[in-house]
């Protein structure tokens, strides 16, 4: 009895194994998506290759399977480009060390303002007609030696206030507008009232001097032209200076006649200018303003742009007769991210006969959204078809997982 029972068990096991082998499809790969593992002619979820994607060889009764190899971007975005402005071989050399002519000065002087005391300081200087032809302006250098901080420091030049504010100990320079220079000139330095503190006047102890600014001919000019497109995409101008070891150099820089920098060069000698360049000719003028001996070389002028570029993507869709027999189907892809503010997303199908059909995507476009576009055998013909994906507006979409589902 036990021997017969064992034989029955062996036969049953063999029959179960044979039944499994007959009924389960041996396709050689794993289907992806809904319907995986179905054996009927219309079942399964198959994926068509697009672009450089890899194709897994289909088994009988199945389609081809897509594996996407990378993400892609469609729409408009900005990228940084630049161009060098030609300079003479070896750059533009400049030397400092010429002392700017002193016009007037005061030392350890008090400007104060209170209920019972008032005192201002005045620097008066003359520039005759012949001198004014060669002088581009003047500069006021002043230093606060001490202050009680009870009032603002006010500086006026030929009746116009050029500085007003609370200042602690330290140095500062102010350019004096050359158009206001006359034969007789004055710079007044005073302290504002201490207000309700009637018992204590506001006090500033200062050193100050007025010197004539750089004379004509000491600026070194460089001219360059921008197209209308370059002007609209302009971001900044970078000046690259080289100085002797241990020096940083004091420079004054003008762009199209406007002073855009005055002071010590940044560490490394890179000076970025945000002043807007114009379409057509632009002029950059540079000059050293060091009173001590110095040597500076302008090595490069680089113009940076934010270039606006629009990108569309084409995905190849080769279609076999077996694929067409399974239509209708769908083209799907995911919005991985949104860049900027795009206004629309669309796809144009170009069939094997070069006929075009546009699909405007009306879904709400958001990150991680899966877009599904239904297609029929009228949209995809036998042979090489392609999908062109594009976006409009000031931005675009990062797209991933582009697939064609039969």
Foldseek 3Di string as FASTA:
>chain_A
DVVVVVVVVVVVVVVVVVVCVVPFDDWVDWADDPQTRDDDLQGGKAWFAWDPWDWDDTDPSDDIHTDFDDWDWFWKDWDKDKDWADAPVVFAKAKAAAAFAWFWKDAQDKAKDAPVDGDKDKTKGFDDPVRLVFFQFKKKKKWWPAWPQLFWKWKAKQRHTPDTGGDGTDIDMDTGHSVPHDGMIMMMIHTDASPPPRVDITMTTMIMTMGTDHTPPQWDKDKDADAPLQLVFWAKKKWAKDWPPPAQFWKWKDKQRHTQDTGTADPRRIDIGRDRDDHTMMMMIMHTDDNRIIMMGGDIMMIMGTDMDGDKDKIKGADAPSRQVNDFWKKKWFFQAWWDDWDFKKKWKQEPVRDIDIDTQPDDDHHRDMGIGTDHCVRYDHGIMMMMIHTHDNTITTIDDTIIID
